[in-house]
N, C-alpha and C. Protein backbone atom coordinates (compact mmCIF):
# COMPACT_ATOMS: atom_id res chain seq x y z
N UNK A 1 -5.76 -8.19 -18.10
CA UNK A 1 -4.82 -7.66 -17.13
C UNK A 1 -4.63 -8.66 -15.99
N UNK A 2 -3.43 -8.70 -15.49
CA UNK A 2 -3.12 -9.60 -14.39
C UNK A 2 -2.81 -8.75 -13.14
N UNK A 3 -3.77 -8.69 -12.19
CA UNK A 3 -3.59 -7.81 -11.04
C UNK A 3 -2.80 -8.44 -9.90
N UNK A 4 -2.28 -7.56 -9.05
CA UNK A 4 -1.71 -7.94 -7.75
C UNK A 4 -2.14 -6.84 -6.77
N UNK A 5 -2.37 -7.22 -5.54
CA UNK A 5 -2.77 -6.27 -4.50
C UNK A 5 -1.56 -5.93 -3.65
N UNK A 6 -1.30 -4.63 -3.46
CA UNK A 6 -0.27 -4.17 -2.54
C UNK A 6 -0.96 -3.57 -1.30
N UNK A 7 -0.57 -4.05 -0.14
CA UNK A 7 -1.04 -3.49 1.12
C UNK A 7 0.19 -2.84 1.76
N UNK A 8 0.16 -1.51 1.84
CA UNK A 8 1.35 -0.76 2.25
C UNK A 8 1.25 -0.29 3.70
N UNK A 9 2.21 -0.69 4.51
CA UNK A 9 2.45 -0.15 5.86
C UNK A 9 1.25 -0.19 6.81
N UNK A 10 0.47 -1.23 6.74
CA UNK A 10 -0.62 -1.37 7.73
C UNK A 10 -0.03 -2.01 8.99
N UNK A 11 0.81 -1.22 9.63
CA UNK A 11 1.61 -1.66 10.78
C UNK A 11 1.11 -0.99 12.05
N UNK A 12 1.41 -1.62 13.18
CA UNK A 12 0.97 -1.12 14.48
C UNK A 12 1.34 0.36 14.66
N UNK A 13 2.57 0.75 14.32
CA UNK A 13 2.99 2.13 14.53
C UNK A 13 2.20 3.15 13.72
N UNK A 14 1.62 2.74 12.60
CA UNK A 14 0.86 3.65 11.76
C UNK A 14 -0.64 3.59 12.03
N UNK A 15 -1.13 2.43 12.41
CA UNK A 15 -2.58 2.22 12.50
C UNK A 15 -3.12 2.47 13.91
N UNK A 16 -2.44 1.97 14.91
CA UNK A 16 -2.94 2.12 16.28
C UNK A 16 -2.78 3.57 16.74
N UNK A 17 -3.78 4.05 17.47
CA UNK A 17 -3.76 5.45 17.91
C UNK A 17 -2.55 5.78 18.76
N UNK A 18 -2.02 4.80 19.49
CA UNK A 18 -0.84 5.06 20.31
C UNK A 18 0.45 4.68 19.58
N UNK A 19 0.37 4.43 18.28
CA UNK A 19 1.55 4.09 17.49
C UNK A 19 2.49 5.28 17.34
N UNK A 20 3.72 5.01 17.04
CA UNK A 20 4.75 6.05 16.96
C UNK A 20 4.47 7.09 15.89
N UNK A 21 3.76 6.70 14.84
CA UNK A 21 3.48 7.62 13.73
C UNK A 21 2.06 7.36 13.22
N UNK A 22 1.10 7.53 14.12
CA UNK A 22 -0.31 7.23 13.81
C UNK A 22 -0.79 8.03 12.60
N UNK A 23 -1.47 7.34 11.69
CA UNK A 23 -2.05 7.96 10.51
C UNK A 23 -3.56 8.07 10.73
N UNK A 24 -4.09 9.29 10.84
CA UNK A 24 -5.53 9.46 11.03
C UNK A 24 -6.30 8.77 9.89
N UNK A 25 -7.34 8.05 10.23
CA UNK A 25 -8.15 7.38 9.22
C UNK A 25 -7.69 5.97 8.87
N UNK A 26 -6.53 5.58 9.36
CA UNK A 26 -6.03 4.24 9.05
C UNK A 26 -6.96 3.16 9.60
N UNK A 27 -7.51 3.37 10.77
CA UNK A 27 -8.43 2.39 11.37
C UNK A 27 -9.64 2.15 10.46
N UNK A 28 -10.16 3.23 9.89
CA UNK A 28 -11.35 3.11 9.03
C UNK A 28 -11.07 2.33 7.75
N UNK A 29 -9.81 2.30 7.33
CA UNK A 29 -9.44 1.58 6.10
C UNK A 29 -9.36 0.07 6.32
N UNK A 30 -9.23 -0.37 7.57
CA UNK A 30 -9.01 -1.80 7.85
C UNK A 30 -10.10 -2.69 7.26
N UNK A 31 -11.41 -2.45 7.55
CA UNK A 31 -12.41 -3.37 6.99
C UNK A 31 -12.46 -3.35 5.46
N UNK A 32 -12.16 -2.21 4.88
CA UNK A 32 -12.13 -2.12 3.41
C UNK A 32 -10.99 -2.97 2.87
N UNK A 33 -9.81 -2.81 3.44
CA UNK A 33 -8.65 -3.59 2.98
C UNK A 33 -8.90 -5.08 3.19
N UNK A 34 -9.49 -5.44 4.31
CA UNK A 34 -9.79 -6.86 4.58
C UNK A 34 -10.73 -7.41 3.51
N UNK A 35 -11.77 -6.66 3.16
CA UNK A 35 -12.73 -7.12 2.15
C UNK A 35 -12.05 -7.24 0.77
N UNK A 36 -11.27 -6.24 0.41
CA UNK A 36 -10.56 -6.29 -0.87
C UNK A 36 -9.60 -7.48 -0.87
N UNK A 37 -8.84 -7.63 0.21
CA UNK A 37 -7.90 -8.75 0.34
C UNK A 37 -8.62 -10.08 0.15
N UNK A 38 -9.68 -10.29 0.92
CA UNK A 38 -10.38 -11.58 0.89
C UNK A 38 -11.03 -11.85 -0.46
N UNK A 39 -11.62 -10.81 -1.06
CA UNK A 39 -12.28 -10.99 -2.36
C UNK A 39 -11.25 -11.31 -3.44
N UNK A 40 -10.15 -10.57 -3.44
CA UNK A 40 -9.13 -10.82 -4.46
C UNK A 40 -8.45 -12.17 -4.25
N UNK A 41 -8.24 -12.54 -3.00
CA UNK A 41 -7.65 -13.85 -2.69
C UNK A 41 -8.54 -14.95 -3.29
N UNK A 42 -9.85 -14.84 -3.10
CA UNK A 42 -10.79 -15.84 -3.65
C UNK A 42 -10.66 -15.93 -5.17
N UNK A 43 -10.29 -14.82 -5.81
CA UNK A 43 -10.15 -14.78 -7.27
C UNK A 43 -8.74 -15.16 -7.72
N UNK A 44 -7.88 -15.53 -6.77
CA UNK A 44 -6.53 -15.97 -7.12
C UNK A 44 -5.54 -14.85 -7.36
N UNK A 45 -5.89 -13.64 -6.93
CA UNK A 45 -4.99 -12.50 -7.11
C UNK A 45 -3.88 -12.56 -6.05
N UNK A 46 -2.61 -12.44 -6.44
CA UNK A 46 -1.53 -12.45 -5.45
C UNK A 46 -1.54 -11.18 -4.59
N UNK A 47 -1.12 -11.34 -3.35
CA UNK A 47 -1.16 -10.25 -2.38
C UNK A 47 0.24 -10.03 -1.81
N UNK A 48 0.68 -8.77 -1.86
CA UNK A 48 1.99 -8.39 -1.34
C UNK A 48 1.80 -7.33 -0.26
N UNK A 49 2.43 -7.55 0.87
CA UNK A 49 2.48 -6.55 1.94
C UNK A 49 3.83 -5.88 1.86
N UNK A 50 3.84 -4.55 1.74
CA UNK A 50 5.08 -3.79 1.80
C UNK A 50 5.12 -3.15 3.18
N UNK A 51 6.16 -3.43 3.95
CA UNK A 51 6.20 -3.04 5.36
C UNK A 51 7.48 -2.32 5.72
N UNK A 52 7.32 -1.10 6.24
CA UNK A 52 8.47 -0.39 6.79
C UNK A 52 9.16 -1.28 7.81
N UNK A 53 10.47 -1.28 7.79
CA UNK A 53 11.28 -2.03 8.77
C UNK A 53 12.61 -1.29 8.89
N UNK A 54 12.63 -0.34 9.80
CA UNK A 54 13.78 0.56 9.92
C UNK A 54 14.74 0.16 11.03
N UNK A 55 15.94 0.71 10.92
CA UNK A 55 16.87 0.72 12.05
C UNK A 55 16.82 2.15 12.59
N UNK A 56 17.29 2.35 13.80
CA UNK A 56 17.23 3.69 14.39
C UNK A 56 18.07 4.72 13.64
N UNK A 57 19.06 4.26 12.88
CA UNK A 57 19.91 5.22 12.17
C UNK A 57 19.53 5.38 10.70
N UNK A 58 18.37 4.86 10.29
CA UNK A 58 17.92 5.09 8.92
C UNK A 58 17.79 6.58 8.66
N UNK A 59 18.17 7.04 7.47
CA UNK A 59 18.07 8.47 7.14
C UNK A 59 16.66 9.04 7.32
N UNK A 60 15.64 8.20 7.15
CA UNK A 60 14.25 8.65 7.29
C UNK A 60 13.96 9.20 8.70
N UNK A 61 14.72 8.75 9.68
CA UNK A 61 14.48 9.20 11.06
C UNK A 61 14.85 10.67 11.26
N UNK A 62 15.53 11.27 10.28
CA UNK A 62 15.82 12.70 10.36
C UNK A 62 14.56 13.52 10.13
N UNK A 63 13.61 12.96 9.38
CA UNK A 63 12.37 13.68 9.04
C UNK A 63 11.16 13.24 9.85
N UNK A 64 11.23 12.08 10.45
CA UNK A 64 10.09 11.50 11.16
C UNK A 64 10.55 10.96 12.51
N UNK A 65 9.63 10.87 13.47
CA UNK A 65 10.01 10.23 14.73
C UNK A 65 10.32 8.74 14.48
N UNK A 66 11.13 8.12 15.33
CA UNK A 66 11.41 6.69 15.15
C UNK A 66 10.10 5.89 15.03
N UNK A 67 10.03 5.04 14.02
CA UNK A 67 8.82 4.26 13.77
C UNK A 67 9.20 2.97 13.05
N UNK A 68 8.34 1.97 13.20
CA UNK A 68 8.50 0.68 12.51
C UNK A 68 9.94 0.17 12.63
N UNK A 69 10.46 0.19 13.82
CA UNK A 69 11.83 -0.27 14.06
C UNK A 69 11.83 -1.80 14.02
N UNK A 70 12.71 -2.36 13.20
CA UNK A 70 12.79 -3.81 13.04
C UNK A 70 12.81 -4.51 14.39
N UNK A 71 11.99 -5.56 14.50
CA UNK A 71 11.96 -6.37 15.70
C UNK A 71 11.07 -5.84 16.81
N UNK A 72 10.41 -4.68 16.59
CA UNK A 72 9.51 -4.14 17.61
C UNK A 72 8.06 -4.42 17.24
N UNK A 73 7.20 -4.30 18.22
CA UNK A 73 5.76 -4.47 18.01
C UNK A 73 5.25 -3.47 16.96
N UNK A 74 5.80 -2.26 16.99
CA UNK A 74 5.36 -1.22 16.06
C UNK A 74 5.59 -1.57 14.60
N UNK A 75 6.52 -2.45 14.30
CA UNK A 75 6.82 -2.84 12.93
C UNK A 75 6.00 -4.04 12.46
N UNK A 76 5.12 -4.54 13.32
CA UNK A 76 4.31 -5.72 12.96
C UNK A 76 3.05 -5.30 12.19
N UNK A 77 2.64 -6.15 11.25
CA UNK A 77 1.37 -5.96 10.56
C UNK A 77 0.26 -6.11 11.60
N UNK A 78 -0.75 -5.23 11.52
CA UNK A 78 -1.83 -5.30 12.50
C UNK A 78 -2.52 -6.66 12.42
N UNK A 79 -2.95 -7.16 13.57
CA UNK A 79 -3.50 -8.52 13.63
C UNK A 79 -4.74 -8.71 12.77
N UNK A 80 -5.57 -7.68 12.60
CA UNK A 80 -6.79 -7.83 11.80
C UNK A 80 -6.51 -7.91 10.30
N UNK A 81 -5.28 -7.67 9.90
CA UNK A 81 -4.90 -7.83 8.49
C UNK A 81 -3.74 -8.81 8.32
N UNK A 82 -3.65 -9.73 9.26
CA UNK A 82 -2.57 -10.70 9.22
C UNK A 82 -2.51 -11.41 7.87
N UNK A 83 -1.33 -11.49 7.29
CA UNK A 83 -1.21 -12.13 5.98
C UNK A 83 -1.54 -13.62 6.03
N UNK A 84 -2.09 -14.11 4.93
CA UNK A 84 -2.30 -15.55 4.77
C UNK A 84 -0.94 -16.18 4.48
N UNK A 85 -0.81 -17.49 4.67
CA UNK A 85 0.49 -18.14 4.49
C UNK A 85 1.15 -17.90 3.13
N UNK A 86 0.35 -17.77 2.07
CA UNK A 86 0.98 -17.57 0.76
C UNK A 86 1.03 -16.11 0.31
N UNK A 87 0.62 -15.17 1.17
CA UNK A 87 0.82 -13.76 0.87
C UNK A 87 2.32 -13.46 1.01
N UNK A 88 2.79 -12.55 0.22
CA UNK A 88 4.20 -12.16 0.26
C UNK A 88 4.37 -10.95 1.16
N UNK A 89 5.35 -10.98 2.05
CA UNK A 89 5.65 -9.85 2.92
C UNK A 89 7.06 -9.39 2.59
N UNK A 90 7.16 -8.11 2.19
CA UNK A 90 8.45 -7.54 1.82
C UNK A 90 8.73 -6.36 2.73
N UNK A 91 9.85 -6.42 3.40
CA UNK A 91 10.24 -5.30 4.26
C UNK A 91 10.92 -4.24 3.40
N UNK A 92 10.69 -2.98 3.80
CA UNK A 92 11.29 -1.88 3.06
C UNK A 92 11.86 -0.84 4.03
N UNK A 93 12.88 -0.17 3.57
CA UNK A 93 13.48 0.90 4.37
C UNK A 93 13.32 2.24 3.67
N UNK A 94 12.56 2.26 2.60
CA UNK A 94 12.40 3.47 1.79
C UNK A 94 10.93 3.84 1.67
N UNK A 95 10.69 5.11 1.41
CA UNK A 95 9.33 5.60 1.20
C UNK A 95 8.78 5.07 -0.14
N UNK A 96 9.67 4.81 -1.09
CA UNK A 96 9.29 4.30 -2.40
C UNK A 96 9.50 2.78 -2.42
N UNK A 97 8.41 2.06 -2.56
CA UNK A 97 8.48 0.60 -2.50
C UNK A 97 9.42 -0.03 -3.49
N UNK A 98 9.49 0.53 -4.71
CA UNK A 98 10.34 -0.06 -5.75
C UNK A 98 11.82 0.20 -5.52
N UNK A 99 12.16 1.00 -4.49
CA UNK A 99 13.57 1.15 -4.14
C UNK A 99 14.11 -0.15 -3.54
N UNK A 100 13.20 -1.02 -3.12
CA UNK A 100 13.59 -2.37 -2.67
C UNK A 100 13.54 -3.26 -3.91
N UNK A 101 14.65 -3.75 -4.41
CA UNK A 101 14.67 -4.54 -5.65
C UNK A 101 13.70 -5.72 -5.62
N UNK A 102 13.46 -6.29 -4.45
CA UNK A 102 12.58 -7.45 -4.34
C UNK A 102 11.16 -7.14 -4.81
N UNK A 103 10.72 -5.89 -4.68
CA UNK A 103 9.35 -5.54 -5.08
C UNK A 103 9.19 -5.74 -6.58
N UNK A 104 10.03 -5.13 -7.38
CA UNK A 104 9.94 -5.28 -8.84
C UNK A 104 10.14 -6.73 -9.26
N UNK A 105 11.08 -7.42 -8.60
CA UNK A 105 11.33 -8.83 -8.92
C UNK A 105 10.09 -9.68 -8.70
N UNK A 106 9.42 -9.51 -7.56
CA UNK A 106 8.23 -10.32 -7.25
C UNK A 106 7.09 -10.01 -8.21
N UNK A 107 6.90 -8.72 -8.52
CA UNK A 107 5.81 -8.34 -9.43
C UNK A 107 6.07 -8.93 -10.82
N UNK A 108 7.32 -8.90 -11.24
CA UNK A 108 7.69 -9.50 -12.53
C UNK A 108 7.48 -11.01 -12.50
N UNK A 109 7.91 -11.63 -11.41
CA UNK A 109 7.74 -13.08 -11.23
C UNK A 109 6.27 -13.47 -11.31
N UNK A 110 5.41 -12.64 -10.74
CA UNK A 110 3.97 -12.91 -10.74
C UNK A 110 3.32 -12.56 -12.08
N UNK A 111 4.09 -11.91 -12.96
CA UNK A 111 3.61 -11.44 -14.26
C UNK A 111 2.46 -10.47 -14.12
N UNK A 112 2.44 -9.73 -13.01
CA UNK A 112 1.38 -8.73 -12.78
C UNK A 112 1.67 -7.49 -13.62
N UNK A 113 0.61 -6.96 -14.22
CA UNK A 113 0.75 -5.72 -14.98
C UNK A 113 -0.21 -4.65 -14.47
N UNK A 114 -0.90 -4.96 -13.37
CA UNK A 114 -1.90 -4.07 -12.81
C UNK A 114 -1.83 -4.15 -11.29
N UNK A 115 -1.46 -3.04 -10.64
CA UNK A 115 -1.37 -3.02 -9.18
C UNK A 115 -2.55 -2.29 -8.58
N UNK A 116 -3.12 -2.93 -7.57
CA UNK A 116 -4.18 -2.34 -6.77
C UNK A 116 -3.52 -1.99 -5.44
N UNK A 117 -3.60 -0.73 -5.05
CA UNK A 117 -2.87 -0.28 -3.88
C UNK A 117 -3.80 0.19 -2.77
N UNK A 118 -3.50 -0.29 -1.54
CA UNK A 118 -4.19 0.14 -0.34
C UNK A 118 -3.13 0.44 0.72
N UNK A 119 -3.54 1.09 1.81
CA UNK A 119 -2.63 1.28 2.93
C UNK A 119 -2.37 2.73 3.27
N UNK A 120 -1.21 2.97 3.88
CA UNK A 120 -0.84 4.31 4.34
C UNK A 120 0.60 4.61 3.95
N UNK A 121 0.92 5.82 3.88
CA UNK A 121 0.12 7.02 3.91
C UNK A 121 -0.04 7.52 2.47
N UNK A 122 -1.23 8.02 2.17
CA UNK A 122 -1.60 8.40 0.81
C UNK A 122 -0.54 9.25 0.13
N UNK A 123 -0.08 10.29 0.82
CA UNK A 123 0.83 11.25 0.18
C UNK A 123 2.31 10.91 0.36
N UNK A 124 2.59 9.77 0.93
CA UNK A 124 3.98 9.36 1.11
C UNK A 124 4.22 8.00 0.44
N UNK A 125 4.20 6.93 1.19
CA UNK A 125 4.55 5.62 0.62
C UNK A 125 3.58 5.17 -0.47
N UNK A 126 2.29 5.44 -0.30
CA UNK A 126 1.31 5.05 -1.33
C UNK A 126 1.61 5.80 -2.62
N UNK A 127 1.73 7.12 -2.52
CA UNK A 127 1.99 7.95 -3.70
C UNK A 127 3.29 7.56 -4.39
N UNK A 128 4.37 7.49 -3.63
CA UNK A 128 5.68 7.23 -4.23
C UNK A 128 5.75 5.84 -4.88
N UNK A 129 5.14 4.87 -4.25
CA UNK A 129 5.14 3.51 -4.81
C UNK A 129 4.29 3.46 -6.07
N UNK A 130 3.15 4.14 -6.05
CA UNK A 130 2.28 4.18 -7.24
C UNK A 130 2.97 4.87 -8.41
N UNK A 131 3.67 5.98 -8.14
CA UNK A 131 4.38 6.68 -9.21
C UNK A 131 5.48 5.81 -9.80
N UNK A 132 6.19 5.09 -8.94
CA UNK A 132 7.23 4.18 -9.44
C UNK A 132 6.62 3.06 -10.28
N UNK A 133 5.48 2.54 -9.84
CA UNK A 133 4.81 1.48 -10.60
C UNK A 133 4.45 1.97 -12.00
N UNK A 134 3.97 3.20 -12.09
CA UNK A 134 3.63 3.76 -13.40
C UNK A 134 4.89 3.86 -14.28
N UNK A 135 6.02 4.26 -13.67
CA UNK A 135 7.27 4.36 -14.43
C UNK A 135 7.74 2.99 -14.90
N UNK A 136 7.32 1.94 -14.18
CA UNK A 136 7.63 0.56 -14.59
C UNK A 136 6.61 0.04 -15.63
N UNK A 137 5.70 0.91 -16.06
CA UNK A 137 4.73 0.53 -17.08
C UNK A 137 3.52 -0.22 -16.57
N UNK A 138 3.29 -0.19 -15.27
CA UNK A 138 2.16 -0.91 -14.69
C UNK A 138 0.93 -0.02 -14.59
N UNK A 139 -0.23 -0.59 -14.81
CA UNK A 139 -1.49 0.11 -14.52
C UNK A 139 -1.65 0.12 -13.00
N UNK A 140 -2.20 1.20 -12.46
CA UNK A 140 -2.33 1.33 -11.01
C UNK A 140 -3.69 1.89 -10.65
N UNK A 141 -4.32 1.25 -9.68
CA UNK A 141 -5.55 1.77 -9.06
C UNK A 141 -5.31 1.88 -7.58
N UNK A 142 -5.66 3.04 -7.03
CA UNK A 142 -5.63 3.24 -5.58
C UNK A 142 -7.07 3.16 -5.09
N UNK A 143 -7.28 2.35 -4.06
CA UNK A 143 -8.61 2.16 -3.50
C UNK A 143 -8.88 3.32 -2.54
N UNK A 144 -9.79 4.22 -2.92
CA UNK A 144 -9.99 5.47 -2.19
C UNK A 144 -10.38 5.28 -0.73
N UNK A 145 -11.19 4.27 -0.45
CA UNK A 145 -11.61 4.03 0.94
C UNK A 145 -10.69 3.03 1.64
N UNK A 146 -9.60 2.65 0.97
CA UNK A 146 -8.63 1.72 1.54
C UNK A 146 -7.27 2.34 1.77
N UNK A 147 -7.23 3.68 1.78
CA UNK A 147 -6.00 4.41 2.07
C UNK A 147 -6.30 5.52 3.07
N UNK A 148 -5.26 6.00 3.72
CA UNK A 148 -5.37 7.14 4.62
C UNK A 148 -4.06 7.91 4.57
N UNK A 149 -4.16 9.22 4.82
CA UNK A 149 -2.99 10.07 4.74
C UNK A 149 -2.70 10.81 6.03
N UNK A 150 -1.51 11.37 6.09
CA UNK A 150 -1.04 12.08 7.28
C UNK A 150 -1.51 13.53 7.27
N UNK A 151 -1.46 14.17 6.10
CA UNK A 151 -1.82 15.59 5.93
C UNK A 151 -1.00 16.46 6.89
N UNK A 152 0.32 16.28 6.81
CA UNK A 152 1.25 17.08 7.62
C UNK A 152 1.02 18.57 7.40
N UNK A 153 0.81 18.93 6.14
CA UNK A 153 0.49 20.31 5.77
C UNK A 153 -0.83 20.29 5.01
N UNK A 154 -1.65 21.29 5.24
CA UNK A 154 -2.94 21.37 4.55
C UNK A 154 -2.73 21.29 3.04
N UNK A 155 -3.48 20.40 2.41
CA UNK A 155 -3.42 20.23 0.96
C UNK A 155 -2.46 19.16 0.49
N UNK A 156 -1.72 18.53 1.40
CA UNK A 156 -0.76 17.49 0.98
C UNK A 156 -1.44 16.33 0.26
N UNK A 157 -2.54 15.85 0.82
CA UNK A 157 -3.23 14.70 0.21
C UNK A 157 -3.81 15.10 -1.14
N UNK A 158 -4.46 16.25 -1.19
CA UNK A 158 -5.05 16.73 -2.44
C UNK A 158 -3.97 16.89 -3.52
N UNK A 159 -2.83 17.43 -3.14
CA UNK A 159 -1.72 17.58 -4.09
C UNK A 159 -1.21 16.24 -4.58
N UNK A 160 -1.13 15.28 -3.68
CA UNK A 160 -0.68 13.93 -4.05
C UNK A 160 -1.64 13.29 -5.04
N UNK A 161 -2.94 13.44 -4.78
CA UNK A 161 -3.95 12.86 -5.67
C UNK A 161 -3.85 13.48 -7.06
N UNK A 162 -3.66 14.79 -7.12
CA UNK A 162 -3.52 15.46 -8.43
C UNK A 162 -2.30 14.91 -9.17
N UNK A 163 -1.18 14.80 -8.47
CA UNK A 163 0.05 14.29 -9.09
C UNK A 163 -0.15 12.86 -9.60
N UNK A 164 -0.82 12.05 -8.79
CA UNK A 164 -1.07 10.66 -9.18
C UNK A 164 -1.99 10.58 -10.39
N UNK A 165 -3.03 11.38 -10.40
CA UNK A 165 -3.95 11.38 -11.56
C UNK A 165 -3.20 11.78 -12.83
N UNK A 166 -2.33 12.80 -12.74
CA UNK A 166 -1.55 13.23 -13.90
C UNK A 166 -0.64 12.12 -14.41
N UNK A 167 -0.21 11.25 -13.51
CA UNK A 167 0.66 10.12 -13.88
C UNK A 167 -0.15 8.93 -14.42
N UNK A 168 -1.48 9.05 -14.43
CA UNK A 168 -2.31 7.98 -14.98
C UNK A 168 -2.81 6.98 -13.96
N UNK A 169 -2.69 7.31 -12.68
CA UNK A 169 -3.21 6.42 -11.63
C UNK A 169 -4.71 6.61 -11.55
N UNK A 170 -5.41 5.50 -11.45
CA UNK A 170 -6.87 5.50 -11.33
C UNK A 170 -7.24 5.43 -9.85
N UNK A 171 -8.33 6.09 -9.48
CA UNK A 171 -8.85 6.05 -8.12
C UNK A 171 -10.26 5.48 -8.17
N UNK A 172 -10.49 4.40 -7.40
CA UNK A 172 -11.80 3.78 -7.33
C UNK A 172 -12.12 3.44 -5.88
N UNK A 173 -13.40 3.50 -5.52
CA UNK A 173 -13.81 2.99 -4.21
C UNK A 173 -13.69 1.47 -4.26
N UNK A 174 -13.73 0.83 -3.11
CA UNK A 174 -13.63 -0.64 -3.08
C UNK A 174 -14.78 -1.26 -3.86
N UNK A 175 -15.96 -0.69 -3.74
CA UNK A 175 -17.12 -1.23 -4.46
C UNK A 175 -16.91 -1.10 -5.97
N UNK A 176 -16.45 0.07 -6.41
CA UNK A 176 -16.18 0.26 -7.84
C UNK A 176 -15.08 -0.68 -8.31
N UNK A 177 -14.03 -0.79 -7.51
CA UNK A 177 -12.89 -1.65 -7.88
C UNK A 177 -13.33 -3.09 -8.08
N UNK A 178 -14.06 -3.62 -7.13
CA UNK A 178 -14.42 -5.03 -7.22
C UNK A 178 -15.35 -5.29 -8.39
N UNK A 179 -16.23 -4.35 -8.71
CA UNK A 179 -17.07 -4.47 -9.90
C UNK A 179 -16.26 -4.33 -11.18
N UNK A 180 -15.34 -3.34 -11.19
CA UNK A 180 -14.49 -3.08 -12.34
C UNK A 180 -13.56 -4.26 -12.60
N UNK A 181 -12.99 -4.80 -11.54
CA UNK A 181 -12.08 -5.92 -11.67
C UNK A 181 -12.79 -7.14 -12.24
N UNK A 182 -14.02 -7.35 -11.82
CA UNK A 182 -14.81 -8.47 -12.34
C UNK A 182 -14.88 -8.38 -13.86
N UNK A 183 -15.13 -7.16 -14.38
CA UNK A 183 -15.19 -6.96 -15.83
C UNK A 183 -13.84 -7.17 -16.48
N UNK A 184 -12.77 -6.67 -15.86
CA UNK A 184 -11.42 -6.79 -16.44
C UNK A 184 -10.96 -8.24 -16.47
N UNK A 185 -11.23 -8.97 -15.39
CA UNK A 185 -10.77 -10.36 -15.32
C UNK A 185 -11.50 -11.20 -16.36
N UNK A 186 -12.81 -10.96 -16.52
CA UNK A 186 -13.57 -11.75 -17.50
C UNK A 186 -13.23 -11.36 -18.93
N UNK A 187 -12.85 -10.10 -19.12
CA UNK A 187 -12.52 -9.62 -20.47
C UNK A 187 -11.13 -10.12 -20.90
N UNK A 188 -10.28 -10.41 -19.94
CA UNK A 188 -8.90 -10.78 -20.26
C UNK A 188 -8.78 -12.19 -20.83
């Protein structure tokens, strides 16, 4: 299997407590994502950041407060997860990452058939992007300690996890993932 790491929406507006759309638990995911990022980078795994970048009149603003507005501090990747020069950064205006044609194009270009997903929010952008990846025939693992959710309504995250499992998405802790990936890379 040829993996790629997706880091979704680890932006100031989602991660910082005073951000426009703070996601509880996002701060706790930072060291996990950093470790996964650095370990996979050492193994030559490509890394893609998918980042909300909205205009004030995006349709999404009807359901959510203004957030990740292009050109603002809130739309910037948090400094502790700053991309390396050869990491790919793709801006998105949709909850589903593959709605941006560049996402599928880059994954195809990289010949990746296995996506490892971290970031926020579990029941929104993470879920929708993972489901789309499965529809594109990709294997998907979500790093359980490298994601956080909003839980707008009680049970939203649990429902998302059930839906993802039914679609064939695997859930592993970062420790399990890095051990599992070691086996997959050597077996390939």
